[in-house]
């Protein structure tokens, strides 16, 4: 990665947990980048994302394909909800990936987000997804939480938070 990327925090799940949070994110950087590799302990492959513990003002538009069909939908309100993790019904020992880019996370404007995610599966259905999101809040982002839907994130799921300086 370019030398303008700085690893702020990382978390490798050692025992199953419902969520992973990056907190006390300093206002030192221009943008944020999160990279995840995760798997859940049930048959759901959604990962909810929230900022600063807020449960409102999220909207997102998703474009996705499952290997046979391309679709789109609108989501949000209480969280961003990209398909970003693998469920226990997918191929054993595989993990889904997610890259989330947050420009100008400290500005006094609404926060835009772009998310690129994919599930991994050696079967007929695996998802690739692009999300464009907006958190309609003017507060600086100081925490990011990833929550498994109705399950736990399993051991070896990883989460990395990078700060990006515009220099």
N, C-alpha and C. Protein backbone atom coordinates (compact mmCIF):
# COMPACT_ATOMS: atom_id res chain seq x y z
N UNK A 1 0.84 -1.19 0.00
CA UNK A 1 0.00 0.00 0.00
C UNK A 1 0.88 1.25 0.00
N UNK A 2 0.36 2.35 -0.52
CA UNK A 2 1.14 3.59 -0.51
C UNK A 2 1.51 3.98 0.91
N UNK A 3 2.56 4.76 1.05
CA UNK A 3 2.98 5.13 2.39
C UNK A 3 2.06 6.14 3.05
N UNK A 4 1.01 6.58 2.37
CA UNK A 4 0.03 7.46 3.00
C UNK A 4 -1.02 6.67 3.79
N UNK A 5 -1.00 5.33 3.69
CA UNK A 5 -1.89 4.49 4.47
C UNK A 5 -1.20 4.13 5.77
N UNK A 6 -1.91 4.29 6.88
CA UNK A 6 -1.38 3.92 8.18
C UNK A 6 -2.35 2.98 8.88
N UNK A 7 -1.86 1.83 9.31
CA UNK A 7 -2.71 0.92 10.06
C UNK A 7 -3.01 1.54 11.42
N UNK A 8 -4.28 1.81 11.68
CA UNK A 8 -4.71 2.41 12.94
C UNK A 8 -5.00 1.31 13.96
N UNK A 9 -5.72 0.28 13.51
CA UNK A 9 -6.12 -0.79 14.43
C UNK A 9 -6.43 -2.05 13.65
N UNK A 10 -6.31 -3.19 14.32
CA UNK A 10 -6.69 -4.46 13.70
C UNK A 10 -7.32 -5.35 14.77
N UNK A 11 -8.14 -6.28 14.31
CA UNK A 11 -8.79 -7.21 15.23
C UNK A 11 -8.93 -8.55 14.51
N UNK A 12 -8.34 -9.58 15.09
CA UNK A 12 -8.53 -10.94 14.62
C UNK A 12 -9.35 -11.65 15.67
N UNK A 13 -10.51 -12.15 15.28
CA UNK A 13 -11.42 -12.79 16.22
C UNK A 13 -10.80 -14.10 16.70
N UNK A 14 -10.65 -14.24 18.03
CA UNK A 14 -10.06 -15.47 18.59
C UNK A 14 -11.13 -16.44 19.08
N UNK A 15 -12.26 -15.92 19.53
CA UNK A 15 -13.43 -16.74 19.86
C UNK A 15 -14.64 -16.03 19.30
N UNK A 16 -15.69 -16.76 18.99
CA UNK A 16 -16.87 -16.18 18.34
C UNK A 16 -17.38 -14.95 19.09
N UNK A 17 -17.70 -13.90 18.33
CA UNK A 17 -18.23 -12.66 18.90
C UNK A 17 -19.37 -12.16 18.02
N UNK A 18 -20.28 -11.41 18.61
CA UNK A 18 -21.41 -10.85 17.86
C UNK A 18 -21.00 -9.65 17.02
N UNK A 19 -20.00 -8.90 17.48
CA UNK A 19 -19.61 -7.69 16.75
C UNK A 19 -18.15 -7.34 17.01
N UNK A 20 -17.63 -6.49 16.14
CA UNK A 20 -16.28 -5.95 16.27
C UNK A 20 -16.40 -4.44 16.13
N UNK A 21 -15.77 -3.70 17.05
CA UNK A 21 -15.83 -2.24 17.02
C UNK A 21 -14.44 -1.64 17.01
N UNK A 22 -14.25 -0.66 16.14
CA UNK A 22 -13.08 0.21 16.20
C UNK A 22 -13.57 1.49 16.89
N UNK A 23 -12.99 1.84 18.02
CA UNK A 23 -13.45 3.02 18.76
C UNK A 23 -12.31 4.01 18.94
N UNK A 24 -12.66 5.18 19.38
CA UNK A 24 -11.69 6.27 19.62
C UNK A 24 -10.83 6.53 18.38
N UNK A 25 -11.48 6.58 17.22
CA UNK A 25 -10.76 6.86 15.98
C UNK A 25 -10.34 8.33 15.98
N UNK A 26 -9.06 8.56 15.94
CA UNK A 26 -8.52 9.92 15.97
C UNK A 26 -8.85 10.68 14.69
N UNK A 27 -8.90 11.99 14.79
CA UNK A 27 -9.20 12.86 13.65
C UNK A 27 -7.92 13.24 12.91
N UNK A 28 -6.94 12.38 12.91
CA UNK A 28 -5.62 12.64 12.35
C UNK A 28 -5.54 12.52 10.84
N UNK A 29 -6.47 11.82 10.24
CA UNK A 29 -6.38 11.46 8.82
C UNK A 29 -7.43 12.18 8.00
N UNK A 30 -7.32 12.07 6.70
CA UNK A 30 -8.29 12.64 5.78
C UNK A 30 -9.44 11.65 5.54
N UNK A 31 -9.08 10.38 5.27
CA UNK A 31 -10.05 9.35 4.93
C UNK A 31 -9.76 8.09 5.73
N UNK A 32 -10.72 7.17 5.72
CA UNK A 32 -10.55 5.87 6.36
C UNK A 32 -10.78 4.75 5.35
N UNK A 33 -10.10 3.63 5.56
CA UNK A 33 -10.30 2.42 4.77
C UNK A 33 -10.38 1.26 5.73
N UNK A 34 -11.41 0.44 5.59
CA UNK A 34 -11.54 -0.78 6.40
C UNK A 34 -11.49 -1.97 5.46
N UNK A 35 -10.72 -2.98 5.84
CA UNK A 35 -10.64 -4.24 5.09
C UNK A 35 -11.01 -5.35 6.05
N UNK A 36 -11.95 -6.22 5.62
CA UNK A 36 -12.36 -7.33 6.47
C UNK A 36 -12.31 -8.65 5.70
N UNK A 37 -12.18 -9.70 6.46
CA UNK A 37 -12.31 -11.07 5.96
C UNK A 37 -13.08 -11.79 7.05
N UNK A 38 -14.35 -12.15 6.78
CA UNK A 38 -15.18 -12.66 7.88
C UNK A 38 -16.09 -13.80 7.46
N UNK A 39 -16.53 -14.51 8.49
CA UNK A 39 -17.45 -15.64 8.35
C UNK A 39 -18.36 -15.65 9.57
N UNK A 40 -19.65 -16.04 9.36
CA UNK A 40 -20.61 -16.12 10.46
C UNK A 40 -20.95 -17.56 10.79
N UNK A 41 -21.49 -17.74 11.99
CA UNK A 41 -21.78 -19.09 12.49
C UNK A 41 -23.19 -19.57 12.15
N UNK A 42 -23.95 -18.83 11.37
CA UNK A 42 -25.28 -19.30 10.94
C UNK A 42 -25.40 -19.20 9.44
N UNK A 43 -26.62 -19.28 8.92
CA UNK A 43 -26.83 -19.27 7.47
C UNK A 43 -27.09 -17.88 6.90
N UNK A 44 -26.74 -16.83 7.63
CA UNK A 44 -26.94 -15.48 7.14
C UNK A 44 -25.60 -14.92 6.68
N UNK A 45 -25.59 -14.15 5.60
CA UNK A 45 -24.33 -13.58 5.13
C UNK A 45 -24.33 -12.06 5.13
N UNK A 46 -25.16 -11.45 5.98
CA UNK A 46 -25.18 -10.00 6.09
C UNK A 46 -24.34 -9.54 7.28
N UNK A 47 -23.73 -8.40 7.11
CA UNK A 47 -22.93 -7.78 8.15
C UNK A 47 -23.41 -6.35 8.27
N UNK A 48 -23.96 -5.98 9.43
CA UNK A 48 -24.45 -4.62 9.63
C UNK A 48 -23.30 -3.72 10.06
N UNK A 49 -23.29 -2.48 9.56
CA UNK A 49 -22.24 -1.53 9.87
C UNK A 49 -22.89 -0.25 10.41
N UNK A 50 -22.39 0.23 11.54
CA UNK A 50 -22.87 1.48 12.12
C UNK A 50 -21.70 2.37 12.53
N UNK A 51 -21.97 3.67 12.62
CA UNK A 51 -20.97 4.65 13.04
C UNK A 51 -21.40 5.28 14.36
N UNK A 52 -20.45 5.48 15.25
CA UNK A 52 -20.66 6.20 16.51
C UNK A 52 -21.83 5.67 17.33
N UNK A 53 -22.17 4.41 17.18
CA UNK A 53 -23.28 3.82 17.93
C UNK A 53 -24.65 4.30 17.46
N UNK A 54 -24.71 5.01 16.37
CA UNK A 54 -25.97 5.55 15.86
C UNK A 54 -26.81 4.46 15.20
N UNK A 55 -28.11 4.52 15.42
CA UNK A 55 -29.02 3.56 14.79
C UNK A 55 -30.02 4.27 13.87
N UNK A 56 -29.55 5.34 13.22
CA UNK A 56 -30.44 6.04 12.29
C UNK A 56 -29.64 6.79 11.23
N UNK A 57 -30.35 7.18 10.18
CA UNK A 57 -29.86 8.08 9.13
C UNK A 57 -28.91 7.43 8.13
N UNK A 58 -29.01 6.12 7.91
CA UNK A 58 -28.19 5.43 6.91
C UNK A 58 -29.04 5.14 5.67
N UNK A 59 -28.45 5.32 4.51
CA UNK A 59 -29.07 4.89 3.25
C UNK A 59 -27.98 4.29 2.39
N UNK A 60 -28.35 3.30 1.61
CA UNK A 60 -27.38 2.76 0.66
C UNK A 60 -28.09 2.13 -0.53
N UNK A 61 -27.38 2.15 -1.64
CA UNK A 61 -27.85 1.54 -2.88
C UNK A 61 -26.87 0.44 -3.24
N UNK A 62 -27.38 -0.76 -3.45
CA UNK A 62 -26.53 -1.91 -3.74
C UNK A 62 -26.72 -2.41 -5.16
N UNK A 63 -25.62 -2.76 -5.79
CA UNK A 63 -25.62 -3.49 -7.05
C UNK A 63 -24.94 -4.82 -6.75
N UNK A 64 -25.57 -5.93 -7.14
CA UNK A 64 -24.97 -7.21 -6.80
C UNK A 64 -25.32 -8.29 -7.81
N UNK A 65 -24.48 -9.29 -7.82
CA UNK A 65 -24.71 -10.45 -8.67
C UNK A 65 -24.41 -11.69 -7.87
N UNK A 66 -25.10 -12.78 -8.23
CA UNK A 66 -24.94 -14.03 -7.48
C UNK A 66 -24.40 -15.18 -8.34
N UNK A 67 -23.85 -14.84 -9.49
CA UNK A 67 -23.34 -15.86 -10.40
C UNK A 67 -24.32 -16.20 -11.50
N UNK A 68 -25.59 -15.79 -11.32
CA UNK A 68 -26.60 -16.06 -12.34
C UNK A 68 -27.41 -14.82 -12.69
N UNK A 69 -27.64 -13.94 -11.72
CA UNK A 69 -28.51 -12.80 -11.89
C UNK A 69 -27.87 -11.55 -11.31
N UNK A 70 -28.05 -10.43 -11.99
CA UNK A 70 -27.64 -9.13 -11.45
C UNK A 70 -28.87 -8.42 -10.92
N UNK A 71 -28.72 -7.74 -9.78
CA UNK A 71 -29.85 -7.06 -9.14
C UNK A 71 -29.37 -5.79 -8.47
N UNK A 72 -30.33 -5.01 -7.99
CA UNK A 72 -30.02 -3.84 -7.17
C UNK A 72 -31.14 -3.65 -6.17
N UNK A 73 -30.81 -2.97 -5.08
CA UNK A 73 -31.83 -2.62 -4.10
C UNK A 73 -31.35 -1.44 -3.28
N UNK A 74 -32.24 -0.95 -2.45
CA UNK A 74 -31.95 0.15 -1.54
C UNK A 74 -32.10 -0.36 -0.13
N UNK A 75 -31.19 0.02 0.75
CA UNK A 75 -31.26 -0.43 2.13
C UNK A 75 -30.90 0.68 3.07
N UNK A 76 -30.80 0.31 4.32
CA UNK A 76 -30.35 1.27 5.31
C UNK A 76 -31.38 1.62 6.34
N UNK A 77 -31.34 2.79 6.85
CA UNK A 77 -32.08 3.41 7.92
C UNK A 77 -31.33 3.24 9.23
N UNK A 78 -31.32 2.03 9.81
CA UNK A 78 -30.67 1.83 11.11
C UNK A 78 -29.21 1.39 10.99
N UNK A 79 -28.76 1.07 9.76
CA UNK A 79 -27.40 0.56 9.55
C UNK A 79 -27.15 0.42 8.06
N UNK A 80 -25.86 0.27 7.67
CA UNK A 80 -25.53 -0.18 6.32
C UNK A 80 -25.59 -1.70 6.36
N UNK A 81 -26.07 -2.33 5.29
CA UNK A 81 -26.23 -3.79 5.32
C UNK A 81 -25.71 -4.48 4.07
N UNK A 82 -24.42 -4.38 3.80
CA UNK A 82 -23.89 -5.09 2.64
C UNK A 82 -23.73 -6.59 2.91
N UNK A 83 -23.82 -7.41 1.88
CA UNK A 83 -23.43 -8.81 2.00
C UNK A 83 -21.93 -8.82 2.01
N UNK A 84 -21.34 -9.17 3.11
CA UNK A 84 -19.91 -8.99 3.23
C UNK A 84 -19.23 -10.11 3.98
N UNK A 85 -19.96 -11.13 4.30
CA UNK A 85 -19.40 -12.20 5.09
C UNK A 85 -19.92 -13.53 4.55
N UNK A 86 -19.32 -14.60 4.94
CA UNK A 86 -19.72 -15.94 4.49
C UNK A 86 -20.50 -16.61 5.62
N UNK A 87 -21.55 -17.35 5.26
CA UNK A 87 -22.32 -18.08 6.27
C UNK A 87 -21.80 -19.51 6.40
N UNK A 88 -22.27 -20.20 7.43
CA UNK A 88 -21.78 -21.57 7.62
C UNK A 88 -22.33 -22.54 6.59
N UNK A 89 -23.24 -22.08 5.72
CA UNK A 89 -23.72 -22.95 4.63
C UNK A 89 -22.82 -22.85 3.40
N UNK A 90 -21.88 -21.89 3.40
CA UNK A 90 -20.92 -21.78 2.30
C UNK A 90 -19.80 -22.80 2.49
N UNK A 91 -18.94 -22.90 1.51
CA UNK A 91 -17.82 -23.82 1.56
C UNK A 91 -17.03 -23.65 2.86
N UNK A 92 -16.70 -24.76 3.49
CA UNK A 92 -15.98 -24.73 4.77
C UNK A 92 -14.67 -23.96 4.64
N UNK A 93 -14.33 -23.26 5.70
CA UNK A 93 -13.06 -22.55 5.82
C UNK A 93 -12.86 -21.44 4.79
N UNK A 94 -13.93 -20.89 4.25
CA UNK A 94 -13.83 -19.73 3.37
C UNK A 94 -14.37 -18.51 4.10
N UNK A 95 -13.92 -17.34 3.69
CA UNK A 95 -14.30 -16.09 4.34
C UNK A 95 -14.69 -15.09 3.27
N UNK A 96 -15.65 -14.23 3.58
CA UNK A 96 -16.04 -13.16 2.68
C UNK A 96 -15.14 -11.96 2.88
N UNK A 97 -15.04 -11.11 1.86
CA UNK A 97 -14.18 -9.94 1.95
C UNK A 97 -14.99 -8.66 1.80
N UNK A 98 -14.49 -7.60 2.42
CA UNK A 98 -15.13 -6.30 2.33
C UNK A 98 -14.06 -5.23 2.38
N UNK A 99 -14.15 -4.24 1.49
CA UNK A 99 -13.34 -3.03 1.56
C UNK A 99 -14.32 -1.87 1.65
N UNK A 100 -14.17 -1.04 2.68
CA UNK A 100 -15.05 0.12 2.86
C UNK A 100 -14.20 1.38 2.91
N UNK A 101 -14.49 2.32 2.03
CA UNK A 101 -13.76 3.58 1.95
C UNK A 101 -14.67 4.71 2.45
N UNK A 102 -14.14 5.52 3.38
CA UNK A 102 -14.91 6.62 3.95
C UNK A 102 -14.09 7.91 3.77
N UNK A 103 -14.41 8.73 2.76
CA UNK A 103 -13.69 9.99 2.59
C UNK A 103 -14.18 11.05 3.58
N UNK A 104 -13.29 11.93 3.97
CA UNK A 104 -13.64 13.10 4.80
C UNK A 104 -14.45 12.73 6.04
N UNK A 105 -13.99 11.73 6.77
CA UNK A 105 -14.74 11.21 7.91
C UNK A 105 -14.85 12.18 9.08
N UNK A 106 -14.07 13.26 9.08
CA UNK A 106 -14.15 14.24 10.17
C UNK A 106 -14.90 15.50 9.78
N UNK A 107 -15.32 15.62 8.53
CA UNK A 107 -15.97 16.85 8.08
C UNK A 107 -17.31 17.06 8.76
N UNK A 108 -17.80 18.28 8.69
CA UNK A 108 -19.11 18.62 9.27
C UNK A 108 -20.24 18.38 8.27
N UNK A 109 -19.97 17.62 7.23
CA UNK A 109 -20.97 17.26 6.23
C UNK A 109 -21.44 15.83 6.45
N UNK A 110 -22.49 15.43 5.72
CA UNK A 110 -22.91 14.04 5.73
C UNK A 110 -21.76 13.18 5.21
N UNK A 111 -21.68 11.92 5.66
CA UNK A 111 -20.55 11.06 5.32
C UNK A 111 -20.93 10.06 4.23
N UNK A 112 -20.20 10.09 3.11
CA UNK A 112 -20.41 9.11 2.05
C UNK A 112 -19.51 7.91 2.28
N UNK A 113 -19.95 6.78 1.78
CA UNK A 113 -19.23 5.52 1.98
C UNK A 113 -19.33 4.71 0.69
N UNK A 114 -18.23 4.06 0.32
CA UNK A 114 -18.31 3.09 -0.78
C UNK A 114 -17.81 1.75 -0.25
N UNK A 115 -18.52 0.70 -0.61
CA UNK A 115 -18.22 -0.64 -0.10
C UNK A 115 -18.18 -1.62 -1.27
N UNK A 116 -17.13 -2.42 -1.30
CA UNK A 116 -16.95 -3.47 -2.29
C UNK A 116 -16.82 -4.77 -1.50
N UNK A 117 -17.72 -5.72 -1.72
CA UNK A 117 -17.67 -6.95 -0.93
C UNK A 117 -17.97 -8.17 -1.79
N UNK A 118 -17.57 -9.33 -1.29
CA UNK A 118 -17.81 -10.58 -2.00
C UNK A 118 -17.86 -11.73 -1.00
N UNK A 119 -18.75 -12.67 -1.30
CA UNK A 119 -18.75 -13.92 -0.54
C UNK A 119 -17.94 -14.93 -1.33
N UNK A 120 -17.46 -15.93 -0.68
CA UNK A 120 -16.68 -16.99 -1.34
C UNK A 120 -17.45 -18.29 -1.15
N UNK A 121 -17.57 -19.07 -2.22
CA UNK A 121 -18.33 -20.30 -2.13
C UNK A 121 -18.00 -21.17 -3.35
N UNK A 122 -17.66 -22.41 -3.14
CA UNK A 122 -17.40 -23.32 -4.25
C UNK A 122 -18.69 -24.01 -4.69
N UNK A 123 -19.72 -23.23 -4.85
CA UNK A 123 -21.02 -23.74 -5.27
C UNK A 123 -21.58 -22.78 -6.31
N UNK A 124 -22.84 -22.90 -6.63
CA UNK A 124 -23.41 -22.10 -7.70
C UNK A 124 -23.70 -20.67 -7.29
N UNK A 125 -23.87 -20.37 -6.01
CA UNK A 125 -24.23 -19.02 -5.60
C UNK A 125 -23.17 -18.41 -4.70
N UNK A 126 -22.58 -17.34 -5.18
CA UNK A 126 -21.68 -16.50 -4.38
C UNK A 126 -21.94 -15.07 -4.83
N UNK A 127 -21.86 -14.13 -3.92
CA UNK A 127 -22.24 -12.76 -4.24
C UNK A 127 -21.03 -11.85 -4.40
N UNK A 128 -21.12 -10.94 -5.37
CA UNK A 128 -20.22 -9.81 -5.50
C UNK A 128 -21.11 -8.58 -5.41
N UNK A 129 -20.69 -7.58 -4.64
CA UNK A 129 -21.58 -6.47 -4.36
C UNK A 129 -20.83 -5.15 -4.28
N UNK A 130 -21.45 -4.11 -4.80
CA UNK A 130 -20.97 -2.74 -4.67
C UNK A 130 -22.05 -1.93 -3.98
N UNK A 131 -21.67 -1.16 -2.97
CA UNK A 131 -22.61 -0.32 -2.22
C UNK A 131 -22.14 1.12 -2.26
N UNK A 132 -23.07 2.04 -2.48
CA UNK A 132 -22.84 3.47 -2.30
C UNK A 132 -23.73 3.88 -1.14
N UNK A 133 -23.13 4.43 -0.08
CA UNK A 133 -23.91 4.74 1.10
C UNK A 133 -23.74 6.17 1.56
N UNK A 134 -24.68 6.60 2.40
CA UNK A 134 -24.63 7.93 2.99
C UNK A 134 -25.11 7.83 4.43
N UNK A 135 -24.31 8.36 5.35
CA UNK A 135 -24.75 8.51 6.74
C UNK A 135 -25.10 9.98 6.89
N UNK A 136 -26.38 10.29 7.03
CA UNK A 136 -26.86 11.67 7.09
C UNK A 136 -26.68 12.22 8.50
N UNK A 137 -25.42 12.43 8.86
CA UNK A 137 -25.05 12.93 10.17
C UNK A 137 -23.80 13.78 9.98
N UNK A 138 -23.71 14.90 10.69
CA UNK A 138 -22.58 15.80 10.52
C UNK A 138 -21.46 15.56 11.53
N UNK A 139 -21.63 14.61 12.43
CA UNK A 139 -20.59 14.31 13.43
C UNK A 139 -19.40 13.62 12.78
N UNK A 140 -18.22 13.87 13.30
CA UNK A 140 -17.04 13.13 12.86
C UNK A 140 -17.20 11.67 13.25
N UNK A 141 -16.73 10.77 12.40
CA UNK A 141 -16.82 9.34 12.73
C UNK A 141 -15.69 9.01 13.70
N UNK A 142 -16.08 8.55 14.89
CA UNK A 142 -15.10 8.19 15.92
C UNK A 142 -15.14 6.70 16.26
N UNK A 143 -16.16 5.99 15.77
CA UNK A 143 -16.22 4.54 15.97
C UNK A 143 -16.98 3.89 14.83
N UNK A 144 -16.59 2.65 14.52
CA UNK A 144 -17.24 1.86 13.48
C UNK A 144 -17.48 0.47 14.07
N UNK A 145 -18.73 -0.02 13.96
CA UNK A 145 -19.07 -1.34 14.48
C UNK A 145 -19.59 -2.23 13.36
N UNK A 146 -19.09 -3.45 13.32
CA UNK A 146 -19.52 -4.49 12.39
C UNK A 146 -20.24 -5.55 13.21
N UNK A 147 -21.51 -5.82 12.88
CA UNK A 147 -22.31 -6.75 13.66
C UNK A 147 -22.83 -7.89 12.77
N UNK A 148 -22.61 -9.11 13.20
CA UNK A 148 -23.15 -10.28 12.50
C UNK A 148 -24.66 -10.30 12.71
N UNK A 149 -25.38 -10.73 11.69
CA UNK A 149 -26.84 -10.78 11.77
C UNK A 149 -27.27 -12.11 12.39
N UNK A 150 -27.87 -12.07 13.55
CA UNK A 150 -28.45 -13.25 14.21
C UNK A 150 -27.44 -14.38 14.44
N UNK A 151 -26.18 -14.05 14.58
CA UNK A 151 -25.15 -15.08 14.74
C UNK A 151 -23.91 -14.45 15.35
N UNK A 152 -22.80 -15.14 15.20
CA UNK A 152 -21.51 -14.63 15.64
C UNK A 152 -20.52 -14.63 14.50
N UNK A 153 -19.56 -13.74 14.58
CA UNK A 153 -18.41 -13.79 13.71
C UNK A 153 -17.49 -14.87 14.26
N UNK A 154 -17.00 -15.73 13.41
CA UNK A 154 -16.24 -16.89 13.88
C UNK A 154 -14.75 -16.58 14.01
N UNK A 155 -14.06 -17.51 14.66
CA UNK A 155 -12.62 -17.41 14.85
C UNK A 155 -11.92 -17.20 13.51
N UNK A 156 -10.90 -16.36 13.53
CA UNK A 156 -10.05 -16.00 12.38
C UNK A 156 -10.66 -14.95 11.46
N UNK A 157 -11.87 -14.46 11.76
CA UNK A 157 -12.37 -13.30 11.02
C UNK A 157 -11.44 -12.13 11.36
N UNK A 158 -11.08 -11.33 10.35
CA UNK A 158 -10.14 -10.23 10.58
C UNK A 158 -10.73 -8.90 10.13
N UNK A 159 -10.32 -7.85 10.83
CA UNK A 159 -10.78 -6.49 10.56
C UNK A 159 -9.59 -5.55 10.70
N UNK A 160 -9.34 -4.74 9.66
CA UNK A 160 -8.22 -3.80 9.66
C UNK A 160 -8.73 -2.41 9.35
N UNK A 161 -8.31 -1.42 10.13
CA UNK A 161 -8.68 -0.04 9.92
C UNK A 161 -7.44 0.77 9.57
N UNK A 162 -7.48 1.45 8.41
CA UNK A 162 -6.37 2.27 7.95
C UNK A 162 -6.80 3.72 7.89
N UNK A 163 -5.88 4.62 8.25
CA UNK A 163 -6.06 6.04 8.05
C UNK A 163 -5.32 6.44 6.78
N UNK A 164 -5.89 7.37 6.03
CA UNK A 164 -5.26 7.83 4.79
C UNK A 164 -5.07 9.33 4.90
N UNK A 165 -3.84 9.76 4.70
CA UNK A 165 -3.55 11.19 4.72
C UNK A 165 -3.51 11.72 3.30
N UNK A 166 -4.05 12.88 3.12
CA UNK A 166 -4.05 13.52 1.80
C UNK A 166 -2.76 14.31 1.65
N UNK A 167 -1.66 13.59 1.57
CA UNK A 167 -0.35 14.27 1.43
C UNK A 167 0.61 13.42 0.64
